[in-house]
Amino acid sequence: MPTISAFYGVLIQMFWQDHAPPHFHVLYGELEALIDIRTLAVICGSLPRRALALVREWATLHHNALIED
């Protein structure tokens, strides 16, 4: 799975031909979550509140690139 970003122990990854809805994977230690690109809601999995806040802030800043990917 290609890593598209890494920060503060958070890895953001995307599959090129993954299932709908459009989403990205977040790895944080032993935890994993799938985040909907459009709404930034957690589709499945879980993250600590602070890690999720960082991911949502990152996704907001990189929204156009995520949509293109």
N, C-alpha and C. Protein backbone atom coordinates (compact mmCIF):
# COMPACT_ATOMS: atom_id res chain seq x y z
N MET A 1 0.86 -1.17 0.00
CA MET A 1 0.00 0.00 0.00
C MET A 1 0.90 1.23 0.00
N PRO A 2 0.75 2.11 -0.96
CA PRO A 2 1.61 3.30 -1.03
C PRO A 2 1.31 4.30 0.09
N THR A 3 2.36 4.71 0.76
CA THR A 3 2.24 5.75 1.78
C THR A 3 2.35 7.09 1.08
N ILE A 4 1.34 7.94 1.30
CA ILE A 4 1.35 9.26 0.66
C ILE A 4 1.76 10.36 1.63
N SER A 5 1.74 10.06 2.94
CA SER A 5 2.18 11.05 3.92
C SER A 5 2.50 10.34 5.24
N ALA A 6 3.40 10.95 6.00
CA ALA A 6 3.75 10.45 7.33
C ALA A 6 4.06 11.64 8.22
N PHE A 7 3.46 11.66 9.41
CA PHE A 7 3.71 12.74 10.36
C PHE A 7 3.31 12.29 11.76
N TYR A 8 4.08 12.65 12.76
CA TYR A 8 3.79 12.36 14.17
C TYR A 8 3.39 10.90 14.42
N GLY A 9 4.01 9.98 13.72
CA GLY A 9 3.69 8.57 13.89
C GLY A 9 2.46 8.10 13.15
N VAL A 10 1.86 8.99 12.35
CA VAL A 10 0.67 8.67 11.56
C VAL A 10 1.11 8.40 10.12
N LEU A 11 0.64 7.30 9.55
CA LEU A 11 0.88 7.01 8.14
C LEU A 11 -0.43 7.11 7.38
N ILE A 12 -0.42 7.83 6.28
CA ILE A 12 -1.59 7.95 5.41
C ILE A 12 -1.28 7.14 4.15
N GLN A 13 -2.16 6.21 3.83
CA GLN A 13 -1.93 5.33 2.68
C GLN A 13 -3.18 5.24 1.82
N MET A 14 -2.97 4.97 0.51
CA MET A 14 -4.09 4.80 -0.41
C MET A 14 -3.80 3.65 -1.36
N PHE A 15 -4.84 2.86 -1.64
CA PHE A 15 -4.79 1.86 -2.72
C PHE A 15 -5.31 2.53 -3.98
N TRP A 16 -4.76 2.18 -5.11
CA TRP A 16 -5.20 2.80 -6.37
C TRP A 16 -6.55 2.27 -6.82
N GLN A 17 -6.84 1.00 -6.60
CA GLN A 17 -8.11 0.43 -7.06
C GLN A 17 -8.87 -0.15 -5.87
N ASP A 18 -9.09 0.66 -4.87
CA ASP A 18 -9.78 0.23 -3.65
C ASP A 18 -11.28 0.38 -3.82
N HIS A 19 -12.04 -0.18 -2.90
CA HIS A 19 -13.50 -0.16 -2.94
C HIS A 19 -14.05 1.23 -2.62
N ALA A 20 -15.33 1.43 -2.97
CA ALA A 20 -16.03 2.69 -2.67
C ALA A 20 -16.47 2.66 -1.22
N PRO A 21 -16.73 3.81 -0.61
CA PRO A 21 -16.55 5.17 -1.08
C PRO A 21 -15.08 5.56 -1.11
N PRO A 22 -14.75 6.64 -1.83
CA PRO A 22 -13.35 7.09 -1.87
C PRO A 22 -12.84 7.35 -0.45
N HIS A 23 -11.70 6.75 -0.12
CA HIS A 23 -11.19 6.84 1.24
C HIS A 23 -9.68 6.67 1.26
N PHE A 24 -9.09 6.92 2.43
CA PHE A 24 -7.68 6.63 2.64
C PHE A 24 -7.55 5.88 3.96
N HIS A 25 -6.44 5.17 4.09
CA HIS A 25 -6.16 4.38 5.28
C HIS A 25 -5.22 5.16 6.19
N VAL A 26 -5.45 5.07 7.48
CA VAL A 26 -4.58 5.72 8.47
C VAL A 26 -4.06 4.63 9.40
N LEU A 27 -2.75 4.58 9.54
CA LEU A 27 -2.11 3.68 10.49
C LEU A 27 -1.47 4.53 11.58
N TYR A 28 -1.75 4.14 12.82
CA TYR A 28 -1.18 4.86 13.96
C TYR A 28 -0.86 3.81 15.02
N GLY A 29 0.40 3.45 15.10
CA GLY A 29 0.80 2.36 15.98
C GLY A 29 0.13 1.07 15.55
N GLU A 30 -0.58 0.44 16.46
CA GLU A 30 -1.30 -0.81 16.18
C GLU A 30 -2.70 -0.56 15.62
N LEU A 31 -3.11 0.70 15.54
CA LEU A 31 -4.47 1.04 15.13
C LEU A 31 -4.55 1.37 13.65
N GLU A 32 -5.72 1.12 13.07
CA GLU A 32 -5.97 1.48 11.67
C GLU A 32 -7.39 1.98 11.54
N ALA A 33 -7.58 2.97 10.66
CA ALA A 33 -8.91 3.49 10.38
C ALA A 33 -8.99 3.83 8.89
N LEU A 34 -10.18 3.73 8.33
CA LEU A 34 -10.45 4.17 6.98
C LEU A 34 -11.25 5.46 7.09
N ILE A 35 -10.81 6.49 6.36
CA ILE A 35 -11.42 7.81 6.43
C ILE A 35 -12.02 8.17 5.07
N ASP A 36 -13.30 8.52 5.07
CA ASP A 36 -13.99 8.95 3.85
C ASP A 36 -13.40 10.29 3.41
N ILE A 37 -12.97 10.39 2.16
CA ILE A 37 -12.34 11.62 1.66
C ILE A 37 -13.32 12.78 1.64
N ARG A 38 -14.58 12.51 1.28
CA ARG A 38 -15.56 13.60 1.14
C ARG A 38 -15.97 14.19 2.48
N THR A 39 -16.23 13.34 3.47
CA THR A 39 -16.78 13.82 4.74
C THR A 39 -15.78 13.81 5.89
N LEU A 40 -14.66 13.14 5.70
CA LEU A 40 -13.63 12.94 6.72
C LEU A 40 -14.16 12.16 7.93
N ALA A 41 -15.22 11.39 7.70
CA ALA A 41 -15.77 10.51 8.74
C ALA A 41 -14.99 9.20 8.75
N VAL A 42 -14.93 8.57 9.91
CA VAL A 42 -14.30 7.26 10.02
C VAL A 42 -15.29 6.23 9.47
N ILE A 43 -14.86 5.49 8.44
CA ILE A 43 -15.69 4.45 7.84
C ILE A 43 -15.61 3.18 8.69
N CYS A 44 -14.41 2.82 9.08
CA CYS A 44 -14.23 1.69 9.98
C CYS A 44 -12.91 1.84 10.71
N GLY A 45 -12.78 1.15 11.83
CA GLY A 45 -11.59 1.26 12.66
C GLY A 45 -11.73 2.40 13.65
N SER A 46 -10.62 2.71 14.29
CA SER A 46 -10.65 3.80 15.28
C SER A 46 -9.24 4.36 15.49
N LEU A 47 -9.22 5.59 15.94
CA LEU A 47 -7.98 6.29 16.28
C LEU A 47 -8.22 7.08 17.56
N PRO A 48 -7.15 7.35 18.31
CA PRO A 48 -7.31 8.26 19.46
C PRO A 48 -7.79 9.64 18.97
N ARG A 49 -8.49 10.33 19.81
CA ARG A 49 -9.07 11.63 19.44
C ARG A 49 -8.05 12.60 18.88
N ARG A 50 -6.89 12.70 19.49
CA ARG A 50 -5.86 13.65 19.02
C ARG A 50 -5.31 13.25 17.66
N ALA A 51 -5.07 11.96 17.45
CA ALA A 51 -4.57 11.49 16.15
C ALA A 51 -5.61 11.75 15.06
N LEU A 52 -6.88 11.50 15.37
CA LEU A 52 -7.94 11.75 14.39
C LEU A 52 -8.04 13.23 14.05
N ALA A 53 -7.87 14.09 15.04
CA ALA A 53 -7.89 15.54 14.79
C ALA A 53 -6.75 15.94 13.86
N LEU A 54 -5.56 15.38 14.08
CA LEU A 54 -4.42 15.67 13.20
C LEU A 54 -4.68 15.19 11.78
N VAL A 55 -5.26 14.00 11.65
CA VAL A 55 -5.56 13.45 10.33
C VAL A 55 -6.58 14.32 9.61
N ARG A 56 -7.61 14.74 10.31
CA ARG A 56 -8.64 15.58 9.68
C ARG A 56 -8.07 16.93 9.27
N GLU A 57 -7.19 17.49 10.08
CA GLU A 57 -6.55 18.76 9.73
C GLU A 57 -5.68 18.57 8.49
N TRP A 58 -4.89 17.49 8.45
CA TRP A 58 -4.06 17.19 7.28
C TRP A 58 -4.92 17.01 6.04
N ALA A 59 -6.02 16.23 6.16
CA ALA A 59 -6.89 15.95 5.02
C ALA A 59 -7.56 17.22 4.49
N THR A 60 -7.90 18.12 5.38
CA THR A 60 -8.50 19.39 4.95
C THR A 60 -7.50 20.19 4.13
N LEU A 61 -6.24 20.22 4.57
CA LEU A 61 -5.20 20.95 3.84
C LEU A 61 -4.87 20.32 2.48
N HIS A 62 -5.06 19.00 2.37
CA HIS A 62 -4.68 18.27 1.16
C HIS A 62 -5.89 17.70 0.41
N HIS A 63 -7.06 18.29 0.62
CA HIS A 63 -8.29 17.75 0.07
C HIS A 63 -8.25 17.61 -1.46
N ASN A 64 -7.78 18.63 -2.15
CA ASN A 64 -7.75 18.56 -3.63
C ASN A 64 -6.85 17.44 -4.12
N ALA A 65 -5.71 17.26 -3.51
CA ALA A 65 -4.80 16.17 -3.90
C ALA A 65 -5.42 14.81 -3.61
N LEU A 66 -6.13 14.68 -2.50
CA LEU A 66 -6.78 13.42 -2.18
C LEU A 66 -7.87 13.08 -3.22
N ILE A 67 -8.63 14.07 -3.61
CA ILE A 67 -9.67 13.86 -4.62
C ILE A 67 -9.03 13.41 -5.94
N GLU A 68 -7.93 14.04 -6.34
CA GLU A 68 -7.25 13.66 -7.58
C GLU A 68 -6.72 12.23 -7.51
N ASP A 69 -6.17 11.84 -6.35
CA ASP A 69 -5.63 10.49 -6.20
C ASP A 69 -6.74 9.48 -6.24
